Amino acid sequence: MENSHDHIEPEQDPTIPAEPAPPITSRFLYVDVAALRAKQLRKGARPRLSEGEGQSLPHKAERVAMEEVRQGLVYYDVPAKKSDQPDTEPDA
């Protein structure tokens, strides 16, 4: 019988990125990405972490999400700045 925490190769599971995401250098972006991933995990998404030798997976979704982001297992998009909007309202 298969263990539900067995490591799944990225080629077999399209939800796991084949290459790690670029490292996050901003603490604020890290918190935002981890919070959104934790929300996905709480709603039933499968963790992307695998158990190493002598290590077990964290139980809290927030800790799992933080570790996934740290390891580059979560891809994210940063919206572009809205620079085409004027700073002041035009005179009518």
Protein backbone atom coordinates (compact mmCIF):
# COMPACT_ATOMS: atom_id res chain seq x y z
CA MET A 1 0.00 0.00 0.00
CA GLU A 2 1.36 3.41 -0.93
CA ASN A 3 2.06 6.04 1.68
CA SER A 4 0.21 9.31 1.02
CA HIS A 5 3.41 11.25 1.81
CA ASP A 6 5.60 9.47 -0.76
CA HIS A 7 7.77 11.79 -2.81
CA ILE A 8 6.27 12.49 -6.24
CA GLU A 9 8.63 13.42 -9.03
CA PRO A 10 7.87 16.76 -10.76
CA GLU A 11 7.54 15.00 -14.12
CA GLN A 12 4.67 12.92 -12.72
CA ASP A 13 2.73 15.72 -11.01
CA PRO A 14 2.13 18.92 -13.00
CA THR A 15 1.37 20.89 -9.81
CA ILE A 16 4.99 20.61 -8.64
CA PRO A 17 7.32 22.93 -10.57
CA ALA A 18 10.18 21.22 -12.42
CA GLU A 19 12.58 24.07 -11.56
CA PRO A 20 12.60 26.08 -8.33
CA ALA A 21 11.05 29.53 -8.35
CA PRO A 22 13.43 32.50 -8.09
CA PRO A 23 14.36 33.26 -4.46
CA ILE A 24 12.27 35.85 -2.68
CA THR A 25 14.39 38.67 -1.26
CA SER A 26 11.56 40.77 0.19
CA ARG A 27 10.15 39.68 3.54
CA PHE A 28 6.81 41.24 2.63
CA LEU A 29 6.54 39.26 -0.61
CA TYR A 30 7.59 36.09 1.27
CA VAL A 31 4.78 36.59 3.80
CA ASP A 32 2.20 37.28 1.07
CA VAL A 33 3.16 34.24 -1.02
CA ALA A 34 3.30 31.94 2.03
CA ALA A 35 -0.09 33.21 3.27
CA LEU A 36 -1.73 32.55 -0.09
CA ARG A 37 -0.16 29.07 -0.25
CA ALA A 38 -1.31 28.31 3.32
CA LYS A 39 -4.84 29.23 2.28
CA GLN A 40 -4.60 26.74 -0.60
CA LEU A 41 -3.34 24.05 1.78
CA ARG A 42 -6.17 24.67 4.25
CA LYS A 43 -8.65 24.27 1.37
CA GLY A 44 -7.22 20.83 0.55
CA ALA A 45 -4.21 21.33 -1.74
CA ARG A 46 -1.56 18.64 -1.45
CA PRO A 47 1.75 19.65 0.16
CA ARG A 48 4.73 19.78 -2.19
CA LEU A 49 7.24 18.88 0.51
CA SER A 50 8.66 15.40 0.90
CA GLU A 51 9.81 13.77 4.10
CA GLY A 52 13.58 13.51 4.32
CA GLU A 53 15.55 11.04 6.40
CA GLY A 54 14.75 11.63 10.06
CA GLN A 55 12.50 14.58 9.22
CA SER A 56 8.75 14.80 9.31
CA LEU A 57 6.44 17.29 7.68
CA PRO A 58 5.17 20.20 9.77
CA HIS A 59 1.51 19.85 10.75
CA LYS A 60 0.40 23.47 10.41
CA ALA A 61 -0.47 24.73 6.94
CA GLU A 62 1.41 27.97 7.58
CA ARG A 63 4.65 26.14 8.39
CA VAL A 64 4.30 23.87 5.36
CA ALA A 65 3.66 26.92 3.14
CA MET A 66 6.66 28.79 4.53
CA GLU A 67 8.96 25.82 3.89
CA GLU A 68 7.59 25.34 0.36
CA VAL A 69 8.25 29.01 -0.44
CA ARG A 70 11.74 28.81 1.09
CA GLN A 71 12.59 25.78 -1.08
CA GLY A 72 11.26 27.47 -4.24
CA LEU A 73 8.36 25.03 -4.69
CA VAL A 74 5.74 27.78 -5.06
CA TYR A 75 5.54 29.96 -8.15
CA TYR A 76 4.11 33.44 -7.86
CA ASP A 77 3.33 36.45 -10.04
CA VAL A 78 3.94 40.01 -8.97
CA PRO A 79 1.47 42.40 -10.64
CA ALA A 80 3.02 45.23 -12.63
CA LYS A 81 2.90 48.72 -11.21
CA LYS A 82 0.19 50.95 -12.58
CA SER A 83 2.39 53.74 -13.90
CA ASP A 84 0.01 54.81 -16.65
CA GLN A 85 -2.39 56.50 -14.21
CA PRO A 86 -1.83 60.22 -13.61
CA ASP A 87 -0.93 61.33 -10.10
CA THR A 88 -3.52 64.14 -10.10
CA GLU A 89 -6.93 64.51 -11.62
CA PRO A 90 -7.05 66.45 -14.90
CA ASP A 91 -8.65 69.89 -14.90
CA ALA A 92 -12.10 69.93 -16.41
